[in-house]
Amino acid sequence: MAVAKSEKKVEAAPEQYGDVVTRLEQTVARLESGDLSLEESLKAFEEGIRLVRRGEKLLTEAEQRIEQLLVDEEGQEFVAPLAVAARPAPQAAPRATGTAKPPPEDDVPF
């Protein structure tokens, strides 16, 4: 009786961004080596796509957590997302609650 070749188990997606990048670099190197069969290349490509998506998710989550404390021209402090924090402080004072109004959708730099 022939023994079936066991399939490689798909590893769980890394939890750390640096680990995602490392695995993605390894996957790209395997693909670029030219030593893979068509089937192995397709599997490596699929793994690369999963890693890219995982990396994007981790970056988005981190970006959402990053906030920077700002001070407007009147000396009032407020918290704004990092994308807004990179621009000069707004001219108008923030609302009485001490938080800045989020920028309109079309004002986001990306």
N, C-alpha and C. Protein backbone atom coordinates (compact mmCIF):
# COMPACT_ATOMS: atom_id res chain seq x y z
N MET A 1 0.85 -1.16 0.00
CA MET A 1 0.00 0.00 0.00
C MET A 1 0.90 1.24 0.00
N ALA A 2 0.59 2.17 -0.85
CA ALA A 2 1.39 3.39 -0.95
C ALA A 2 1.03 4.34 0.18
N VAL A 3 2.04 4.96 0.73
CA VAL A 3 1.82 5.92 1.81
C VAL A 3 1.68 7.30 1.18
N ALA A 4 0.59 7.98 1.49
CA ALA A 4 0.34 9.30 0.92
C ALA A 4 1.34 10.30 1.48
N LYS A 5 1.80 11.16 0.60
CA LYS A 5 2.73 12.21 1.03
C LYS A 5 1.96 13.20 1.90
N SER A 6 2.45 13.45 3.10
CA SER A 6 1.74 14.35 4.00
C SER A 6 1.92 15.80 3.55
N GLU A 7 0.83 16.54 3.62
CA GLU A 7 0.85 17.96 3.26
C GLU A 7 1.45 18.76 4.40
N LYS A 8 2.15 19.82 4.05
CA LYS A 8 2.67 20.71 5.10
C LYS A 8 1.50 21.44 5.73
N LYS A 9 1.52 21.53 7.04
CA LYS A 9 0.50 22.29 7.73
C LYS A 9 0.76 23.77 7.53
N VAL A 10 -0.32 24.52 7.33
CA VAL A 10 -0.19 25.97 7.20
C VAL A 10 0.05 26.53 8.59
N GLU A 11 1.13 27.25 8.75
CA GLU A 11 1.46 27.83 10.05
C GLU A 11 0.50 28.96 10.37
N ALA A 12 0.24 29.14 11.65
CA ALA A 12 -0.62 30.23 12.08
C ALA A 12 0.06 31.56 11.73
N ALA A 13 -0.77 32.55 11.44
CA ALA A 13 -0.24 33.87 11.12
C ALA A 13 0.50 34.43 12.33
N PRO A 14 1.67 35.01 12.12
CA PRO A 14 2.43 35.59 13.24
C PRO A 14 1.64 36.73 13.91
N GLU A 15 1.87 36.90 15.18
CA GLU A 15 1.18 37.95 15.93
C GLU A 15 1.95 39.27 15.94
N GLN A 16 3.24 39.22 15.68
CA GLN A 16 4.07 40.43 15.70
C GLN A 16 4.38 40.86 14.27
N TYR A 17 4.35 42.16 14.03
CA TYR A 17 4.59 42.68 12.68
C TYR A 17 5.98 42.26 12.17
N GLY A 18 6.98 42.32 13.02
CA GLY A 18 8.33 41.94 12.62
C GLY A 18 8.40 40.49 12.18
N ASP A 19 7.64 39.62 12.84
CA ASP A 19 7.59 38.20 12.45
C ASP A 19 6.91 38.03 11.09
N VAL A 20 5.88 38.83 10.84
CA VAL A 20 5.20 38.79 9.55
C VAL A 20 6.18 39.18 8.44
N VAL A 21 6.92 40.26 8.66
CA VAL A 21 7.88 40.72 7.66
C VAL A 21 8.96 39.67 7.40
N THR A 22 9.46 39.06 8.47
CA THR A 22 10.49 38.03 8.33
C THR A 22 9.98 36.85 7.51
N ARG A 23 8.79 36.37 7.84
CA ARG A 23 8.22 35.24 7.08
C ARG A 23 7.93 35.63 5.65
N LEU A 24 7.49 36.85 5.42
CA LEU A 24 7.22 37.30 4.06
C LEU A 24 8.52 37.36 3.25
N GLU A 25 9.58 37.85 3.86
CA GLU A 25 10.88 37.89 3.18
C GLU A 25 11.36 36.48 2.83
N GLN A 26 11.15 35.54 3.76
CA GLN A 26 11.54 34.14 3.49
C GLN A 26 10.72 33.56 2.34
N THR A 27 9.44 33.87 2.33
CA THR A 27 8.56 33.38 1.27
C THR A 27 8.97 33.94 -0.08
N VAL A 28 9.27 35.23 -0.13
CA VAL A 28 9.70 35.86 -1.38
C VAL A 28 11.01 35.25 -1.85
N ALA A 29 11.94 35.01 -0.93
CA ALA A 29 13.22 34.40 -1.30
C ALA A 29 13.01 33.01 -1.90
N ARG A 30 12.08 32.22 -1.31
CA ARG A 30 11.78 30.90 -1.86
C ARG A 30 11.22 31.01 -3.26
N LEU A 31 10.33 31.98 -3.46
CA LEU A 31 9.73 32.16 -4.79
C LEU A 31 10.79 32.60 -5.80
N GLU A 32 11.66 33.50 -5.40
CA GLU A 32 12.69 34.03 -6.30
C GLU A 32 13.79 33.03 -6.61
N SER A 33 13.92 32.01 -5.78
CA SER A 33 14.99 31.03 -5.98
C SER A 33 14.81 30.24 -7.27
N GLY A 34 13.58 30.08 -7.70
CA GLY A 34 13.31 29.32 -8.91
C GLY A 34 13.37 27.82 -8.71
N ASP A 35 13.51 27.36 -7.47
CA ASP A 35 13.64 25.94 -7.18
C ASP A 35 12.29 25.26 -6.88
N LEU A 36 11.21 26.01 -6.87
CA LEU A 36 9.91 25.45 -6.50
C LEU A 36 9.16 24.96 -7.74
N SER A 37 8.37 23.93 -7.53
CA SER A 37 7.48 23.48 -8.60
C SER A 37 6.35 24.49 -8.74
N LEU A 38 5.55 24.33 -9.77
CA LEU A 38 4.42 25.24 -9.95
C LEU A 38 3.49 25.19 -8.75
N GLU A 39 3.18 23.99 -8.29
CA GLU A 39 2.28 23.84 -7.14
C GLU A 39 2.88 24.48 -5.88
N GLU A 40 4.17 24.25 -5.64
CA GLU A 40 4.83 24.85 -4.47
C GLU A 40 4.87 26.38 -4.60
N SER A 41 5.07 26.87 -5.81
CA SER A 41 5.09 28.32 -6.04
C SER A 41 3.73 28.92 -5.74
N LEU A 42 2.67 28.25 -6.18
CA LEU A 42 1.31 28.75 -5.90
C LEU A 42 1.03 28.78 -4.40
N LYS A 43 1.45 27.74 -3.71
CA LYS A 43 1.24 27.70 -2.25
C LYS A 43 2.05 28.81 -1.56
N ALA A 44 3.27 29.02 -2.02
CA ALA A 44 4.10 30.08 -1.44
C ALA A 44 3.49 31.45 -1.72
N PHE A 45 2.97 31.63 -2.94
CA PHE A 45 2.32 32.89 -3.29
C PHE A 45 1.10 33.12 -2.40
N GLU A 46 0.29 32.09 -2.20
CA GLU A 46 -0.89 32.21 -1.33
C GLU A 46 -0.47 32.56 0.09
N GLU A 47 0.60 31.94 0.57
CA GLU A 47 1.10 32.27 1.91
C GLU A 47 1.53 33.73 1.96
N GLY A 48 2.21 34.19 0.91
CA GLY A 48 2.64 35.58 0.85
C GLY A 48 1.47 36.54 0.92
N ILE A 49 0.41 36.23 0.20
CA ILE A 49 -0.79 37.08 0.23
C ILE A 49 -1.38 37.11 1.64
N ARG A 50 -1.46 35.94 2.29
CA ARG A 50 -1.97 35.90 3.67
C ARG A 50 -1.10 36.74 4.61
N LEU A 51 0.22 36.65 4.42
CA LEU A 51 1.13 37.42 5.27
C LEU A 51 0.99 38.92 5.03
N VAL A 52 0.85 39.32 3.78
CA VAL A 52 0.66 40.74 3.47
C VAL A 52 -0.62 41.25 4.13
N ARG A 53 -1.69 40.49 4.02
CA ARG A 53 -2.96 40.90 4.64
C ARG A 53 -2.83 40.98 6.16
N ARG A 54 -2.11 40.02 6.75
CA ARG A 54 -1.92 40.04 8.21
C ARG A 54 -1.10 41.27 8.61
N GLY A 55 -0.05 41.56 7.83
CA GLY A 55 0.76 42.74 8.12
C GLY A 55 -0.04 44.02 8.02
N GLU A 56 -0.87 44.13 6.99
CA GLU A 56 -1.71 45.31 6.84
C GLU A 56 -2.68 45.45 8.01
N LYS A 57 -3.24 44.33 8.46
CA LYS A 57 -4.17 44.37 9.60
C LYS A 57 -3.45 44.85 10.86
N LEU A 58 -2.25 44.32 11.10
CA LEU A 58 -1.49 44.73 12.28
C LEU A 58 -1.14 46.21 12.23
N LEU A 59 -0.75 46.70 11.05
CA LEU A 59 -0.42 48.12 10.91
C LEU A 59 -1.65 48.99 11.12
N THR A 60 -2.79 48.58 10.60
CA THR A 60 -4.02 49.35 10.77
C THR A 60 -4.41 49.40 12.24
N GLU A 61 -4.31 48.27 12.92
CA GLU A 61 -4.63 48.24 14.34
C GLU A 61 -3.70 49.16 15.14
N ALA A 62 -2.42 49.13 14.81
CA ALA A 62 -1.46 49.98 15.52
C ALA A 62 -1.74 51.45 15.23
N GLU A 63 -2.03 51.75 13.99
CA GLU A 63 -2.31 53.14 13.61
C GLU A 63 -3.52 53.68 14.36
N GLN A 64 -4.53 52.84 14.54
CA GLN A 64 -5.73 53.25 15.25
C GLN A 64 -5.45 53.51 16.73
N ARG A 65 -4.45 52.86 17.28
CA ARG A 65 -4.11 53.03 18.69
C ARG A 65 -3.23 54.24 18.96
N ILE A 66 -2.51 54.66 17.93
CA ILE A 66 -1.56 55.75 18.13
C ILE A 66 -2.31 57.08 18.19
N GLU A 67 -2.08 57.78 19.24
CA GLU A 67 -2.63 59.12 19.38
C GLU A 67 -1.53 60.03 19.87
N GLN A 68 -1.65 61.28 19.55
CA GLN A 68 -0.63 62.22 19.98
C GLN A 68 -1.30 63.41 20.65
N LEU A 69 -0.75 63.80 21.76
CA LEU A 69 -1.28 64.94 22.49
C LEU A 69 -0.85 66.23 21.80
N LEU A 70 -1.80 67.10 21.55
CA LEU A 70 -1.53 68.37 20.88
C LEU A 70 -1.95 69.53 21.77
N VAL A 71 -1.39 70.66 21.49
CA VAL A 71 -1.77 71.90 22.19
C VAL A 71 -2.10 72.92 21.11
N ASP A 72 -3.31 73.52 21.19
CA ASP A 72 -3.67 74.51 20.20
C ASP A 72 -3.08 75.87 20.57
N GLU A 73 -3.34 76.87 19.75
CA GLU A 73 -2.76 78.20 19.96
C GLU A 73 -3.19 78.85 21.26
N GLU A 74 -4.31 78.41 21.81
CA GLU A 74 -4.79 78.97 23.07
C GLU A 74 -4.30 78.18 24.27
N GLY A 75 -3.44 77.21 24.05
CA GLY A 75 -2.86 76.44 25.14
C GLY A 75 -3.71 75.29 25.62
N GLN A 76 -4.81 75.00 24.96
CA GLN A 76 -5.66 73.89 25.37
C GLN A 76 -5.14 72.59 24.75
N GLU A 77 -5.10 71.55 25.55
CA GLU A 77 -4.63 70.25 25.07
C GLU A 77 -5.81 69.46 24.53
N PHE A 78 -5.54 68.66 23.51
CA PHE A 78 -6.54 67.76 22.97
C PHE A 78 -5.83 66.58 22.33
N VAL A 79 -6.57 65.50 22.15
CA VAL A 79 -6.01 64.29 21.56
C VAL A 79 -6.54 64.17 20.14
N ALA A 80 -5.65 63.84 19.22
CA ALA A 80 -6.04 63.68 17.82
C ALA A 80 -5.33 62.47 17.25
N PRO A 81 -5.91 61.84 16.23
CA PRO A 81 -5.22 60.72 15.58
C PRO A 81 -3.89 61.18 15.02
N LEU A 82 -2.94 60.27 14.89
CA LEU A 82 -1.60 60.61 14.42
C LEU A 82 -1.63 61.31 13.07
N ALA A 83 -2.49 60.90 12.15
CA ALA A 83 -2.56 61.53 10.83
C ALA A 83 -2.89 63.00 10.96
N VAL A 84 -3.74 63.36 11.92
CA VAL A 84 -4.09 64.75 12.14
C VAL A 84 -2.97 65.44 12.91
N ALA A 85 -2.32 64.73 13.80
CA ALA A 85 -1.27 65.30 14.64
C ALA A 85 -0.08 65.74 13.80
N ALA A 86 0.13 65.15 12.65
CA ALA A 86 1.26 65.50 11.81
C ALA A 86 1.10 66.88 11.18
N ARG A 87 -0.12 67.39 11.14
CA ARG A 87 -0.38 68.71 10.58
C ARG A 87 -0.30 69.77 11.69
N PRO A 88 -0.20 71.03 11.32
CA PRO A 88 -0.18 72.09 12.33
C PRO A 88 -1.47 72.06 13.16
N ALA A 89 -1.38 72.55 14.39
CA ALA A 89 -2.53 72.58 15.27
C ALA A 89 -3.64 73.43 14.65
N PRO A 90 -4.90 73.05 14.87
CA PRO A 90 -6.01 73.80 14.28
C PRO A 90 -6.08 75.22 14.85
N GLN A 91 -6.65 76.13 14.09
CA GLN A 91 -6.77 77.52 14.50
C GLN A 91 -7.87 77.70 15.55
N ALA A 92 -8.96 76.96 15.40
CA ALA A 92 -10.07 77.10 16.33
C ALA A 92 -9.82 76.26 17.57
N ALA A 93 -10.37 76.71 18.70
CA ALA A 93 -10.24 75.97 19.95
C ALA A 93 -11.09 74.70 19.88
N PRO A 94 -10.66 73.63 20.52
CA PRO A 94 -11.46 72.40 20.53
C PRO A 94 -12.73 72.58 21.33
N ARG A 95 -13.63 71.60 21.19
CA ARG A 95 -14.88 71.64 21.93
C ARG A 95 -14.60 71.69 23.42
N ALA A 96 -15.59 72.04 24.19
CA ALA A 96 -15.45 72.20 25.64
C ALA A 96 -15.01 70.89 26.31
N THR A 97 -15.27 69.76 25.70
CA THR A 97 -14.90 68.48 26.31
C THR A 97 -13.40 68.24 26.28
N GLY A 98 -12.67 69.03 25.51
CA GLY A 98 -11.23 68.87 25.45
C GLY A 98 -10.77 67.91 24.37
N THR A 99 -11.70 67.44 23.55
CA THR A 99 -11.31 66.55 22.45
C THR A 99 -11.51 67.26 21.13
N ALA A 100 -10.68 66.94 20.18
CA ALA A 100 -10.77 67.57 18.86
C ALA A 100 -11.81 66.88 18.01
N LYS A 101 -12.47 67.64 17.16
CA LYS A 101 -13.43 67.09 16.22
C LYS A 101 -12.64 66.37 15.13
N PRO A 102 -13.03 65.14 14.77
CA PRO A 102 -12.28 64.42 13.74
C PRO A 102 -12.37 65.15 12.40
N PRO A 103 -11.32 65.02 11.57
CA PRO A 103 -11.32 65.71 10.29
C PRO A 103 -12.36 65.09 9.36
N PRO A 104 -12.83 65.85 8.38
CA PRO A 104 -13.74 65.26 7.41
C PRO A 104 -13.04 64.17 6.63
N GLU A 105 -13.80 63.20 6.10
CA GLU A 105 -13.22 62.06 5.38
C GLU A 105 -12.26 62.48 4.28
N ASP A 106 -12.61 63.52 3.53
CA ASP A 106 -11.77 63.92 2.39
C ASP A 106 -10.53 64.69 2.83
N ASP A 107 -10.39 64.93 4.13
CA ASP A 107 -9.24 65.67 4.65
C ASP A 107 -8.12 64.73 5.11
N VAL A 108 -8.37 63.41 5.10
CA VAL A 108 -7.38 62.44 5.53
C VAL A 108 -6.29 62.34 4.48
N PRO A 109 -5.00 62.40 4.85
CA PRO A 109 -3.91 62.49 3.87
C PRO A 109 -3.62 61.21 3.12
N PHE A 110 -4.36 60.14 3.32
CA PHE A 110 -4.08 58.90 2.58
C PHE A 110 -5.30 58.28 2.04
